[in-house]
PDB file of N, CA and C in Angstrom:
ATOM      1  N   MET A   1       2.577  13.797 -16.983  1.00  0.00           N
ATOM      2  CA  MET A   1       2.874  12.624 -15.491  1.00  0.00           C
ATOM      3  C   MET A   1       1.569  11.658 -14.594  1.00  0.00           C
ATOM      4  N   PRO A   2       2.130  10.382 -14.462  1.00  0.00           N
ATOM      5  CA  PRO A   2       1.173   9.928 -13.934  1.00  0.00           C
ATOM      6  C   PRO A   2       0.656  10.141 -12.650  1.00  0.00           C
ATOM      7  N   GLU A   3      -0.661   9.891 -12.274  1.00  0.00           N
ATOM      8  CA  GLU A   3      -1.159   9.623 -10.474  1.00  0.00           C
ATOM      9  C   GLU A   3      -0.939   8.461  -9.832  1.00  0.00           C
ATOM     10  N   ILE A   4      -0.065   8.934  -9.048  1.00  0.00           N
ATOM     11  CA  ILE A   4       0.331   7.905  -7.971  1.00  0.00           C
ATOM     12  C   ILE A   4      -0.279   7.985  -6.592  1.00  0.00           C
ATOM     13  N   PHE A   5      -0.305   6.998  -6.600  1.00  0.00           N
ATOM     14  CA  PHE A   5      -1.319   6.622  -5.211  1.00  0.00           C
ATOM     15  C   PHE A   5      -0.560   5.856  -3.839  1.00  0.00           C
ATOM     16  N   ILE A   6      -0.899   6.056  -2.860  1.00  0.00           N
ATOM     17  CA  ILE A   6      -0.392   5.989  -1.778  1.00  0.00           C
ATOM     18  C   ILE A   6      -0.555   5.575  -0.817  1.00  0.00           C
ATOM     19  N   GLY A   7      -0.246   4.802   0.340  1.00  0.00           N
ATOM     20  CA  GLY A   7      -0.847   3.893   1.150  1.00  0.00           C
ATOM     21  C   GLY A   7       0.405   3.792   2.108  1.00  0.00           C
ATOM     22  N   THR A   8      -0.101   3.391   3.467  1.00  0.00           N
ATOM     23  CA  THR A   8       0.951   3.546   4.808  1.00  0.00           C
ATOM     24  C   THR A   8      -0.003   2.658   5.896  1.00  0.00           C
ATOM     25  N   ASP A   9       1.094   2.005   6.753  1.00  0.00           N
ATOM     26  CA  ASP A   9       0.282   1.222   7.838  1.00  0.00           C
ATOM     27  C   ASP A   9       1.116   0.997   8.319  1.00  0.00           C
ATOM     28  N   ILE A  10       1.047   1.026   9.813  1.00  0.00           N
ATOM     29  CA  ILE A  10       2.415   0.456  11.088  1.00  0.00           C
ATOM     30  C   ILE A  10       1.216  -0.621  11.931  1.00  0.00           C
ATOM     31  N   VAL A  11       2.482  -1.751  12.411  1.00  0.00           N
ATOM     32  CA  VAL A  11       2.223  -2.938  12.727  1.00  0.00           C
ATOM     33  C   VAL A  11       2.534  -3.114  14.300  1.00  0.00           C
ATOM     34  N   SER A  12       2.128  -3.481  15.116  1.00  0.00           N
ATOM     35  CA  SER A  12       2.701  -3.770  16.570  1.00  0.00           C
ATOM     36  C   SER A  12       3.318  -5.313  16.162  1.00  0.00           C
ATOM     37  N   VAL A  13       4.812  -5.559  16.491  1.00  0.00           N
ATOM     38  CA  VAL A  13       5.372  -6.656  16.626  1.00  0.00           C
ATOM     39  C   VAL A  13       5.047  -7.606  17.009  1.00  0.00           C
ATOM     40  N   GLN A  14       4.738  -7.506  18.461  1.00  0.00           N
ATOM     41  CA  GLN A  14       3.723  -8.165  19.768  1.00  0.00           C
ATOM     42  C   GLN A  14       2.396  -9.126  18.959  1.00  0.00           C
ATOM     43  N   ARG A  15       1.936  -7.859  18.033  1.00  0.00           N
ATOM     44  CA  ARG A  15       0.662  -8.328  17.957  1.00  0.00           C
ATOM     45  C   ARG A  15       1.234  -9.275  16.893  1.00  0.00           C
ATOM     46  N   ILE A  16       1.675  -9.086  16.265  1.00  0.00           N
ATOM     47  CA  ILE A  16       1.794 -10.066  15.137  1.00  0.00           C
ATOM     48  C   ILE A  16       2.565 -11.741  15.777  1.00  0.00           C
ATOM     49  N   LYS A  17       3.133 -11.419  16.173  1.00  0.00           N
ATOM     50  CA  LYS A  17       3.963 -12.342  17.134  1.00  0.00           C
ATOM     51  C   LYS A  17       2.994 -12.805  17.723  1.00  0.00           C
ATOM     52  N   LYS A  18       2.152 -12.794  18.827  1.00  0.00           N
ATOM     53  CA  LYS A  18       0.848 -13.993  19.016  1.00  0.00           C
ATOM     54  C   LYS A  18       0.192 -14.534  17.694  1.00  0.00           C
ATOM     55  N   VAL A  19      -0.512 -13.842  16.680  1.00  0.00           N
ATOM     56  CA  VAL A  19      -1.179 -14.354  15.917  1.00  0.00           C
ATOM     57  C   VAL A  19       0.046 -15.655  15.519  1.00  0.00           C
ATOM     58  N   LEU A  20       0.900 -15.654  15.118  1.00  0.00           N
ATOM     59  CA  LEU A  20       2.106 -16.576  14.863  1.00  0.00           C
ATOM     60  C   LEU A  20       1.937 -17.105  15.938  1.00  0.00           C
ATOM     61  N   GLN A  21       1.799 -17.285  17.283  1.00  0.00           N
ATOM     62  CA  GLN A  21       1.966 -18.385  18.020  1.00  0.00           C
ATOM     63  C   GLN A  21       0.601 -18.923  18.226  1.00  0.00           C
ATOM     64  N   ARG A  22      -0.551 -18.404  17.883  1.00  0.00           N
ATOM     65  CA  ARG A  22      -2.116 -18.554  17.922  1.00  0.00           C
ATOM     66  C   ARG A  22      -2.183 -19.042  16.843  1.00  0.00           C
ATOM     67  N   HIS A  23      -1.836 -19.041  15.352  1.00  0.00           N
ATOM     68  CA  HIS A  23      -2.663 -19.890  14.464  1.00  0.00           C
ATOM     69  C   HIS A  23      -1.666 -20.119  13.514  1.00  0.00           C
ATOM     70  N   GLY A  24      -0.143 -20.089  13.247  1.00  0.00           N
ATOM     71  CA  GLY A  24       1.180 -20.842  13.311  1.00  0.00           C
ATOM     72  C   GLY A  24       0.608 -20.759  11.432  1.00  0.00           C
ATOM     73  N   ASP A  25       0.637 -22.187  11.055  1.00  0.00           N
ATOM     74  CA  ASP A  25       1.105 -21.655   9.835  1.00  0.00           C
ATOM     75  C   ASP A  25      -0.595 -21.343   8.915  1.00  0.00           C
ATOM     76  N   ARG A  26      -1.594 -21.179   9.453  1.00  0.00           N
ATOM     77  CA  ARG A  26      -2.771 -21.321   8.480  1.00  0.00           C
ATOM     78  C   ARG A  26      -2.988 -19.513   8.795  1.00  0.00           C
ATOM     79  N   PHE A  27      -2.138 -18.923   9.558  1.00  0.00           N
ATOM     80  CA  PHE A  27      -2.042 -17.727   9.637  1.00  0.00           C
ATOM     81  C   PHE A  27      -0.878 -17.036   8.364  1.00  0.00           C
ATOM     82  N   GLN A  28       0.134 -18.212   8.514  1.00  0.00           N
ATOM     83  CA  GLN A  28       0.987 -17.870   7.490  1.00  0.00           C
ATOM     84  C   GLN A  28       1.006 -18.027   6.199  1.00  0.00           C
ATOM     85  N   ASN A  29       0.008 -18.780   6.168  1.00  0.00           N
ATOM     86  CA  ASN A  29       0.033 -19.437   4.579  1.00  0.00           C
ATOM     87  C   ASN A  29      -0.725 -18.851   3.934  1.00  0.00           C
ATOM     88  N   LYS A  30      -2.030 -17.914   4.526  1.00  0.00           N
ATOM     89  CA  LYS A  30      -3.344 -17.100   3.950  1.00  0.00           C
ATOM     90  C   LYS A  30      -2.498 -15.738   4.134  1.00  0.00           C
ATOM     91  N   THR A  31      -1.076 -15.270   4.804  1.00  0.00           N
ATOM     92  CA  THR A  31      -0.929 -13.994   4.019  1.00  0.00           C
ATOM     93  C   THR A  31       0.402 -13.679   3.599  1.00  0.00           C
ATOM     94  N   TYR A  32       1.144 -14.649   3.656  1.00  0.00           N
ATOM     95  CA  TYR A  32       2.512 -14.388   3.012  1.00  0.00           C
ATOM     96  C   TYR A  32       2.912 -16.020   2.007  1.00  0.00           C
ATOM     97  N   THR A  33       3.837 -15.403   1.020  1.00  0.00           N
ATOM     98  CA  THR A  33       4.232 -16.467   0.465  1.00  0.00           C
ATOM     99  C   THR A  33       5.394 -17.465   0.605  1.00  0.00           C
ATOM    100  N   ILE A  34       5.609 -18.746   0.673  1.00  0.00           N
ATOM    101  CA  ILE A  34       6.438 -19.865   0.712  1.00  0.00           C
ATOM    102  C   ILE A  34       7.494 -18.913   0.931  1.00  0.00           C
ATOM    103  N   THR A  35       8.258 -17.880  -0.141  1.00  0.00           N
ATOM    104  CA  THR A  35       9.812 -17.268  -0.609  1.00  0.00           C
ATOM    105  C   THR A  35       9.448 -16.154   1.429  1.00  0.00           C
ATOM    106  N   GLU A  36       8.359 -15.638   1.103  1.00  0.00           N
ATOM    107  CA  GLU A  36       8.497 -14.614   2.755  1.00  0.00           C
ATOM    108  C   GLU A  36       8.474 -15.416   3.781  1.00  0.00           C
ATOM    109  N   ILE A  37       7.658 -16.747   4.062  1.00  0.00           N
ATOM    110  CA  ILE A  37       7.885 -17.659   4.768  1.00  0.00           C
ATOM    111  C   ILE A  37       9.252 -17.938   5.013  1.00  0.00           C
ATOM    112  N   GLN A  38      10.338 -18.366   4.582  1.00  0.00           N
ATOM    113  CA  GLN A  38      11.805 -18.487   4.363  1.00  0.00           C
ATOM    114  C   GLN A  38      13.120 -17.515   4.630  1.00  0.00           C
ATOM    115  N   TYR A  39      12.131 -16.698   4.084  1.00  0.00           N
ATOM    116  CA  TYR A  39      12.991 -15.463   4.291  1.00  0.00           C
ATOM    117  C   TYR A  39      12.964 -14.886   5.956  1.00  0.00           C
ATOM    118  N   CYS A  40      11.746 -14.771   6.601  1.00  0.00           N
ATOM    119  CA  CYS A  40      11.744 -14.464   7.766  1.00  0.00           C
ATOM    120  C   CYS A  40      11.566 -15.521   8.897  1.00  0.00           C
ATOM    121  N   GLN A  41      11.505 -16.802   8.155  1.00  0.00           N
ATOM    122  CA  GLN A  41      12.219 -17.516   9.594  1.00  0.00           C
ATOM    123  C   GLN A  41      13.751 -17.676   9.450  1.00  0.00           C
ATOM    124  N   SER A  42      14.508 -17.543   8.168  1.00  0.00           N
ATOM    125  CA  SER A  42      16.047 -17.679   8.343  1.00  0.00           C
ATOM    126  C   SER A  42      16.317 -16.813   9.037  1.00  0.00           C
ATOM    127  N   LYS A  43      15.320 -15.158   9.987  1.00  0.00           N
ATOM    128  CA  LYS A  43      15.967 -14.314  10.485  1.00  0.00           C
ATOM    129  C   LYS A  43      15.909 -14.774  12.250  1.00  0.00           C
ATOM    130  N   ALA A  44      16.693 -14.261  12.882  1.00  0.00           N
ATOM    131  CA  ALA A  44      17.076 -14.138  14.675  1.00  0.00           C
ATOM    132  C   ALA A  44      15.764 -13.911  14.777  1.00  0.00           C
ATOM    133  N   ASN A  45      14.779 -13.069  14.588  1.00  0.00           N
ATOM    134  CA  ASN A  45      13.469 -12.498  14.926  1.00  0.00           C
ATOM    135  C   ASN A  45      12.524 -12.299  13.703  1.00  0.00           C
ATOM    136  N   PRO A  46      12.122 -13.637  13.358  1.00  0.00           N
ATOM    137  CA  PRO A  46      11.292 -13.873  12.608  1.00  0.00           C
ATOM    138  C   PRO A  46       9.875 -12.797  12.279  1.00  0.00           C
ATOM    139  N   GLU A  47       9.252 -12.347  13.763  1.00  0.00           N
ATOM    140  CA  GLU A  47       8.007 -11.748  13.872  1.00  0.00           C
ATOM    141  C   GLU A  47       8.665  -9.917  13.591  1.00  0.00           C
ATOM    142  N   ILE A  48       9.764  -9.692  13.429  1.00  0.00           N
ATOM    143  CA  ILE A  48      10.149  -8.445  12.859  1.00  0.00           C
ATOM    144  C   ILE A  48       9.616  -8.257  11.723  1.00  0.00           C
ATOM    145  N   HIS A  49      10.291  -9.118  11.078  1.00  0.00           N
ATOM    146  CA  HIS A  49      10.676  -9.605   9.352  1.00  0.00           C
ATOM    147  C   HIS A  49       8.633 -10.033   9.078  1.00  0.00           C
ATOM    148  N   TYR A  50       8.531 -10.533   9.462  1.00  0.00           N
ATOM    149  CA  TYR A  50       6.804 -10.719   9.466  1.00  0.00           C
ATOM    150  C   TYR A  50       6.054  -9.514   9.339  1.00  0.00           C
ATOM    151  N   SER A  51       6.286  -8.793  10.572  1.00  0.00           N
ATOM    152  CA  SER A  51       5.398  -7.248  10.965  1.00  0.00           C
ATOM    153  C   SER A  51       6.153  -6.472   9.323  1.00  0.00           C
ATOM    154  N   GLY A  52       6.927  -6.674   9.138  1.00  0.00           N
ATOM    155  CA  GLY A  52       7.763  -5.112   8.239  1.00  0.00           C
ATOM    156  C   GLY A  52       6.452  -5.986   6.975  1.00  0.00           C
ATOM    157  N   ARG A  53       6.625  -7.323   6.759  1.00  0.00           N
ATOM    158  CA  ARG A  53       5.958  -7.420   5.461  1.00  0.00           C
ATOM    159  C   ARG A  53       4.722  -7.569   5.712  1.00  0.00           C
ATOM    160  N   PHE A  54       4.226  -7.740   6.813  1.00  0.00           N
ATOM    161  CA  PHE A  54       2.423  -7.584   7.231  1.00  0.00           C
ATOM    162  C   PHE A  54       2.030  -5.947   6.485  1.00  0.00           C
ATOM    163  N   ALA A  55       2.998  -4.747   7.091  1.00  0.00           N
ATOM    164  CA  ALA A  55       2.636  -3.837   7.061  1.00  0.00           C
ATOM    165  C   ALA A  55       2.729  -2.858   5.738  1.00  0.00           C
ATOM    166  N   ALA A  56       3.894  -3.520   5.366  1.00  0.00           N
ATOM    167  CA  ALA A  56       3.690  -3.475   3.823  1.00  0.00           C
ATOM    168  C   ALA A  56       2.959  -3.968   2.917  1.00  0.00           C
ATOM    169  N   LYS A  57       2.375  -5.283   2.634  1.00  0.00           N
ATOM    170  CA  LYS A  57       1.013  -5.645   2.373  1.00  0.00           C
ATOM    171  C   LYS A  57      -0.473  -4.761   2.275  1.00  0.00           C
ATOM    172  N   GLU A  58      -0.514  -4.334   4.038  1.00  0.00           N
ATOM    173  CA  GLU A  58      -1.593  -3.478   4.141  1.00  0.00           C
ATOM    174  C   GLU A  58      -1.757  -2.308   3.283  1.00  0.00           C
ATOM    175  N   ALA A  59      -0.396  -1.822   3.736  1.00  0.00           N
ATOM    176  CA  ALA A  59       0.082  -0.098   2.464  1.00  0.00           C
ATOM    177  C   ALA A  59      -0.038  -0.483   1.254  1.00  0.00           C
ATOM    178  N   ILE A  60       0.078  -1.544   0.557  1.00  0.00           N
ATOM    179  CA  ILE A  60       0.336  -1.619  -0.972  1.00  0.00           C
ATOM    180  C   ILE A  60      -1.436  -2.110  -1.431  1.00  0.00           C
ATOM    181  N   GLN A  61      -1.735  -2.901  -0.257  1.00  0.00           N
ATOM    182  CA  GLN A  61      -3.641  -3.037  -0.746  1.00  0.00           C
ATOM    183  C   GLN A  61      -4.172  -1.597  -0.460  1.00  0.00           C
ATOM    184  N   LYS A  62      -4.038  -0.667   0.588  1.00  0.00           N
ATOM    185  CA  LYS A  62      -4.412   0.807   0.481  1.00  0.00           C
ATOM    186  C   LYS A  62      -3.944   1.890  -0.726  1.00  0.00           C
ATOM    187  N   ALA A  63      -2.753   1.519  -1.212  1.00  0.00           N
ATOM    188  CA  ALA A  63      -2.437   2.459  -2.402  1.00  0.00           C
ATOM    189  C   ALA A  63      -3.113   1.820  -3.237  1.00  0.00           C
ATOM    190  N   ILE A  64      -3.307   0.820  -3.839  1.00  0.00           N
ATOM    191  CA  ILE A  64      -3.863  -0.017  -5.070  1.00  0.00           C
ATOM    192  C   ILE A  64      -5.274   0.633  -4.536  1.00  0.00           C
ATOM    193  N   TYR A  65      -6.159   0.057  -3.476  1.00  0.00           N
ATOM    194  CA  TYR A  65      -7.405   0.401  -3.536  1.00  0.00           C
ATOM    195  C   TYR A  65      -7.613   1.668  -3.435  1.00  0.00           C
ATOM    196  N   SER A  66      -7.322   2.216  -3.404  1.00  0.00           N
ATOM    197  CA  SER A  66      -7.504   4.256  -3.596  1.00  0.00           C
ATOM    198  C   SER A  66      -7.088   4.337  -5.012  1.00  0.00           C
ATOM    199  N   SER A  67      -6.331   4.033  -6.029  1.00  0.00           N
ATOM    200  CA  SER A  67      -6.596   3.885  -7.350  1.00  0.00           C
ATOM    201  C   SER A  67      -8.055   3.802  -7.786  1.00  0.00           C
ATOM    202  N   GLY A  68      -8.553   2.815  -7.261  1.00  0.00           N
ATOM    203  CA  GLY A  68     -10.100   3.018  -7.910  1.00  0.00           C
ATOM    204  C   GLY A  68     -10.458   1.186  -7.967  1.00  0.00           C
ATOM    205  N   HIS A  69      -8.879   0.209  -7.669  1.00  0.00           N
ATOM    206  CA  HIS A  69      -9.517  -1.287  -7.822  1.00  0.00           C
ATOM    207  C   HIS A  69     -10.390  -1.727  -6.921  1.00  0.00           C
ATOM    208  N   LYS A  70     -11.034  -2.757  -7.452  1.00  0.00           N
ATOM    209  CA  LYS A  70     -12.263  -3.255  -6.121  1.00  0.00           C
ATOM    210  C   LYS A  70     -12.270  -4.540  -5.942  1.00  0.00           C
ATOM    211  N   ASP A  71     -11.543  -5.050  -7.153  1.00  0.00           N
ATOM    212  CA  ASP A  71     -11.183  -7.052  -6.197  1.00  0.00           C
ATOM    213  C   ASP A  71     -10.689  -7.285  -5.312  1.00  0.00           C
ATOM    214  N   ILE A  72     -10.797  -7.955  -4.786  1.00  0.00           N
ATOM    215  CA  ILE A  72     -10.205  -8.051  -3.310  1.00  0.00           C
ATOM    216  C   ILE A  72      -8.616  -9.005  -3.678  1.00  0.00           C
ATOM    217  N   ILE A  73      -7.804  -8.438  -2.826  1.00  0.00           N
ATOM    218  CA  ILE A  73      -6.520  -8.623  -3.280  1.00  0.00           C
ATOM    219  C   ILE A  73      -6.015  -9.733  -2.062  1.00  0.00           C
ATOM    220  N   PRO A  74      -5.813 -10.831  -1.948  1.00  0.00           N
ATOM    221  CA  PRO A  74      -5.408 -11.566  -1.056  1.00  0.00           C
ATOM    222  C   PRO A  74      -3.957 -11.387  -0.797  1.00  0.00           C
ATOM    223  N   PHE A  75      -3.315 -10.856   0.969  1.00  0.00           N
ATOM    224  CA  PHE A  75      -2.153 -11.092   1.018  1.00  0.00           C
ATOM    225  C   PHE A  75      -1.505 -11.659   0.122  1.00  0.00           C
ATOM    226  N   ASN A  76      -1.272 -13.174   0.422  1.00  0.00           N
ATOM    227  CA  ASN A  76      -0.494 -13.831  -0.084  1.00  0.00           C
ATOM    228  C   ASN A  76      -0.106 -13.967  -1.781  1.00  0.00           C
ATOM    229  N   LYS A  77      -1.284 -12.547  -2.460  1.00  0.00           N
ATOM    230  CA  LYS A  77      -0.464 -13.018  -3.592  1.00  0.00           C
ATOM    231  C   LYS A  77      -0.097 -10.976  -3.841  1.00  0.00           C
ATOM    232  N   ILE A  78       0.363 -10.793  -2.908  1.00  0.00           N
ATOM    233  CA  ILE A  78       1.647  -9.698  -2.702  1.00  0.00           C
ATOM    234  C   ILE A  78       2.883 -10.569  -1.910  1.00  0.00           C
ATOM    235  N   GLU A  79       3.292 -10.279  -2.748  1.00  0.00           N
ATOM    236  CA  GLU A  79       5.078 -10.507  -2.490  1.00  0.00           C
ATOM    237  C   GLU A  79       5.930  -9.447  -2.546  1.00  0.00           C
ATOM    238  N   ILE A  80       6.578  -9.685  -1.067  1.00  0.00           N
ATOM    239  CA  ILE A  80       7.864  -8.228  -0.788  1.00  0.00           C
ATOM    240  C   ILE A  80       9.238  -9.582  -0.475  1.00  0.00           C
ATOM    241  N   ILE A  81      10.098  -8.967  -1.927  1.00  0.00           N
ATOM    242  CA  ILE A  81      11.026 -10.167  -1.379  1.00  0.00           C
ATOM    243  C   ILE A  81      12.252  -9.046  -1.676  1.00  0.00           C
ATOM    244  N   SER A  82      13.172  -9.949  -1.261  1.00  0.00           N
ATOM    245  CA  SER A  82      14.455  -8.619  -1.371  1.00  0.00           C
ATOM    246  C   SER A  82      15.363  -8.426  -2.725  1.00  0.00           C
ATOM    247  N   GLY A  83      15.998  -7.565  -2.828  1.00  0.00           N
ATOM    248  CA  GLY A  83      16.285  -6.875  -4.126  1.00  0.00           C
ATOM    249  C   GLY A  83      18.308  -7.450  -3.659  1.00  0.00           C
ATOM    250  N   LYS A  84      18.697  -6.934  -4.559  1.00  0.00           N
ATOM    251  CA  LYS A  84      20.258  -7.604  -4.521  1.00  0.00           C
ATOM    252  C   LYS A  84      21.085  -6.540  -3.186  1.00  0.00           C
ATOM    253  N   ASP A  85      20.461  -5.833  -2.877  1.00  0.00           N
ATOM    254  CA  ASP A  85      21.111  -4.738  -1.975  1.00  0.00           C
ATOM    255  C   ASP A  85      20.290  -5.133  -0.217  1.00  0.00           C
ATOM    256  N   GLY A  86      19.615  -5.753  -0.684  1.00  0.00           N
ATOM    257  CA  GLY A  86      18.509  -5.985   0.492  1.00  0.00           C
ATOM    258  C   GLY A  86      16.974  -5.171   0.671  1.00  0.00           C
ATOM    259  N   GLU A  87      16.593  -4.318  -0.626  1.00  0.00           N
ATOM    260  CA  GLU A  87      15.944  -3.501  -0.219  1.00  0.00           C
ATOM    261  C   GLU A  87      14.608  -4.149  -0.777  1.00  0.00           C
ATOM    262  N   PRO A  88      13.334  -3.686  -0.094  1.00  0.00           N
ATOM    263  CA  PRO A  88      12.581  -4.437  -0.755  1.00  0.00           C
ATOM    264  C   PRO A  88      11.232  -4.350  -2.065  1.00  0.00           C
ATOM    265  N   LEU A  89      11.036  -5.036  -2.741  1.00  0.00           N
ATOM    266  CA  LEU A  89      11.076  -5.492  -4.060  1.00  0.00           C
ATOM    267  C   LEU A  89       9.362  -6.320  -3.790  1.00  0.00           C
ATOM    268  N   VAL A  90       8.527  -5.219  -5.102  1.00  0.00           N
ATOM    269  CA  VAL A  90       7.353  -5.815  -4.619  1.00  0.00           C
ATOM    270  C   VAL A  90       6.390  -6.874  -5.962  1.00  0.00           C
ATOM    271  N   GLN A  91       6.174  -7.808  -5.209  1.00  0.00           N
ATOM    272  CA  GLN A  91       5.704  -8.828  -6.873  1.00  0.00           C
ATOM    273  C   GLN A  91       4.124  -8.466  -6.869  1.00  0.00           C
ATOM    274  N   LEU A  92       3.329  -8.653  -7.276  1.00  0.00           N
ATOM    275  CA  LEU A  92       2.269  -8.301  -7.339  1.00  0.00           C
ATOM    276  C   LEU A  92       1.594  -9.234  -8.312  1.00  0.00           C
ATOM    277  N   LEU A  93       1.049 -10.843  -7.852  1.00  0.00           N
ATOM    278  CA  LEU A  93       0.763 -11.892  -8.097  1.00  0.00           C
ATOM    279  C   LEU A  93      -0.976 -12.067  -8.192  1.00  0.00           C
ATOM    280  N   PHE A  94      -1.114 -11.102  -8.974  1.00  0.00           N
ATOM    281  CA  PHE A  94      -2.660 -11.092  -9.288  1.00  0.00           C
ATOM    282  C   PHE A  94      -2.860 -10.005 -10.779  1.00  0.00           C
ATOM    283  N   PRO A  95      -3.761 -10.181 -11.469  1.00  0.00           N
ATOM    284  CA  PRO A  95      -3.825  -8.968 -12.665  1.00  0.00           C
ATOM    285  C   PRO A  95      -4.234  -7.857 -12.061  1.00  0.00           C
ATOM    286  N   ILE A  96      -2.769  -7.419 -12.494  1.00  0.00           N
ATOM    287  CA  ILE A  96      -3.188  -5.652 -12.084  1.00  0.00           C
ATOM    288  C   ILE A  96      -1.860  -5.266 -13.230  1.00  0.00           C
ATOM    289  N   SER A  97      -2.424  -4.141 -13.893  1.00  0.00           N
ATOM    290  CA  SER A  97      -1.444  -3.067 -14.519  1.00  0.00           C
ATOM    291  C   SER A  97      -0.959  -1.675 -13.626  1.00  0.00           C
ATOM    292  N   GLY A  98       0.036  -1.772 -13.672  1.00  0.00           N
ATOM    293  CA  GLY A  98       1.129  -0.781 -12.938  1.00  0.00           C
ATOM    294  C   GLY A  98       1.911  -1.682 -11.935  1.00  0.00           C
ATOM    295  N   HIS A  99       2.499  -0.838 -11.609  1.00  0.00           N
ATOM    296  CA  HIS A  99       3.486  -1.420 -10.301  1.00  0.00           C
ATOM    297  C   HIS A  99       3.524  -0.487  -9.205  1.00  0.00           C
ATOM    298  N   CYS A 100       4.446  -1.036  -8.277  1.00  0.00           N
ATOM    299  CA  CYS A 100       4.239  -0.712  -6.828  1.00  0.00           C
ATOM    300  C   CYS A 100       5.328  -0.548  -5.638  1.00  0.00           C
ATOM    301  N   LYS A 101       6.033  -0.007  -5.399  1.00  0.00           N
ATOM    302  CA  LYS A 101       6.967   0.037  -4.393  1.00  0.00           C
ATOM    303  C   LYS A 101       6.989   0.411  -3.271  1.00  0.00           C
ATOM    304  N   VAL A 102       7.988  -0.036  -2.476  1.00  0.00           N
ATOM    305  CA  VAL A 102       7.305  -0.005  -1.040  1.00  0.00           C
ATOM    306  C   VAL A 102       8.998   0.520   0.102  1.00  0.00           C
ATOM    307  N   SER A 103       8.369   0.730   0.773  1.00  0.00           N
ATOM    308  CA  SER A 103       9.585   1.529   2.259  1.00  0.00           C
ATOM    309  C   SER A 103       8.908   0.461   3.314  1.00  0.00           C
ATOM    310  N   ILE A 104       9.979  -0.498   3.414  1.00  0.00           N
ATOM    311  CA  ILE A 104       9.907  -0.868   5.033  1.00  0.00           C
ATOM    312  C   ILE A 104      10.349  -0.604   6.414  1.00  0.00           C
ATOM    313  N   SER A 105      10.015  -0.187   7.500  1.00  0.00           N
ATOM    314  CA  SER A 105      11.012   0.378   8.718  1.00  0.00           C
ATOM    315  C   SER A 105      10.887  -0.449   9.976  1.00  0.00           C
ATOM    316  N   HIS A 106      11.503  -0.635  11.214  1.00  0.00           N
ATOM    317  CA  HIS A 106      10.833  -1.650  12.242  1.00  0.00           C
ATOM    318  C   HIS A 106      12.251  -1.235  13.209  1.00  0.00           C
ATOM    319  N   THR A 107      11.922  -1.297  13.920  1.00  0.00           N
ATOM    320  CA  THR A 107      12.074  -1.684  16.104  1.00  0.00           C
ATOM    321  C   THR A 107      11.640  -2.706  16.227  1.00  0.00           C
ATOM    322  N   ALA A 108      12.166  -3.180  17.462  1.00  0.00           N
ATOM    323  CA  ALA A 108      11.965  -4.466  18.279  1.00  0.00           C
ATOM    324  C   ALA A 108      10.185  -4.166  18.565  1.00  0.00           C
ATOM    325  N   ASP A 109       9.576  -2.610  18.212  1.00  0.00           N
ATOM    326  CA  ASP A 109       8.089  -2.941  18.926  1.00  0.00           C
ATOM    327  C   ASP A 109       7.368  -2.874  17.888  1.00  0.00           C
ATOM    328  N   THR A 110       7.853  -1.915  16.258  1.00  0.00           N
ATOM    329  CA  THR A 110       6.723  -1.818  15.354  1.00  0.00           C
ATOM    330  C   THR A 110       7.586  -2.107  14.300  1.00  0.00           C
ATOM    331  N   ALA A 111       6.126  -1.732  13.280  1.00  0.00           N
ATOM    332  CA  ALA A 111       6.763  -2.439  11.841  1.00  0.00           C
ATOM    333  C   ALA A 111       5.904  -1.322  11.537  1.00  0.00           C
ATOM    334  N   ILE A 112       6.928  -0.173  10.081  1.00  0.00           N
ATOM    335  CA  ILE A 112       5.964   0.741   9.420  1.00  0.00           C
ATOM    336  C   ILE A 112       6.254   0.374   8.406  1.00  0.00           C
ATOM    337  N   ALA A 113       4.997   0.827   6.770  1.00  0.00           N
ATOM    338  CA  ALA A 113       5.762   0.607   5.422  1.00  0.00           C
ATOM    339  C   ALA A 113       4.349   1.660   4.962  1.00  0.00           C
ATOM    340  N   PHE A 114       5.560   2.371   4.119  1.00  0.00           N
ATOM    341  CA  PHE A 114       4.975   3.021   3.161  1.00  0.00           C
ATOM    342  C   PHE A 114       5.096   2.589   1.616  1.00  0.00           C
ATOM    343  N   ALA A 115       3.965   2.482   0.649  1.00  0.00           N
ATOM    344  CA  ALA A 115       3.918   2.179  -0.678  1.00  0.00           C
ATOM    345  C   ALA A 115       2.791   3.623  -1.846  1.00  0.00           C
ATOM    346  N   HIS A 116       3.451   3.131  -2.862  1.00  0.00           N
ATOM    347  CA  HIS A 116       3.066   3.718  -3.726  1.00  0.00           C
ATOM    348  C   HIS A 116       2.732   2.752  -5.189  1.00  0.00           C
ATOM    349  N   PHE A 117       1.511   3.032  -5.170  1.00  0.00           N
ATOM    350  CA  PHE A 117       1.170   1.978  -6.887  1.00  0.00           C
ATOM    351  C   PHE A 117       1.166   3.437  -7.884  1.00  0.00           C
ATOM    352  N   ILE A 118       1.698   3.166  -9.301  1.00  0.00           N
ATOM    353  CA  ILE A 118       1.077   3.756 -10.129  1.00  0.00           C
ATOM    354  C   ILE A 118       0.827   2.623 -11.059  1.00  0.00           C
ATOM    355  N   PRO A 119      -0.576   2.812 -11.394  1.00  0.00           N
ATOM    356  CA  PRO A 119      -1.390   2.329 -12.604  1.00  0.00           C
ATOM    357  C   PRO A 119      -0.931   2.671 -14.091  1.00  0.00           C
ATOM    358  N   GLU A 120      -0.697   1.346 -14.547  1.00  0.00           N
ATOM    359  CA  GLU A 120      -0.482   1.476 -16.392  1.00  0.00           C
ATOM    360  C   GLU A 120      -1.347   2.403 -17.350  1.00  0.00           C
ATOM    361  N   LYS A 121      -1.694   2.954 -17.841  1.00  0.00           N
ATOM    362  CA  LYS A 121      -2.694   3.467 -18.784  1.00  0.00           C
ATOM    363  C   LYS A 121      -2.773   2.984 -20.137  1.00  0.00           C
TER     364      LYS A 121
END
């Protein structure tokens, strides 16, 4: 049975909203891919979806780092896209052997994500 490494994160939607207002494009481009920005901007309350993806990226980083990975992982090298049924799918845009899954939930105030990483041996 393969080892599974986990990570979780919780984010204040208001905090992300303030960062988006204060730093706009700079924050978006450093943190999200073009696809993620387009997805979040298409929603009635983009800050909720930015927050969910931010929590997911943090959770994914934690899971990967707990596996022993030492290289820095930029947020914009982790992409969360929506599957055909709306489920979050993880694309790791940097060299690593393994796969990651994530679950994201949010309210109007808070976003939380849980991720697991299974390295390939």
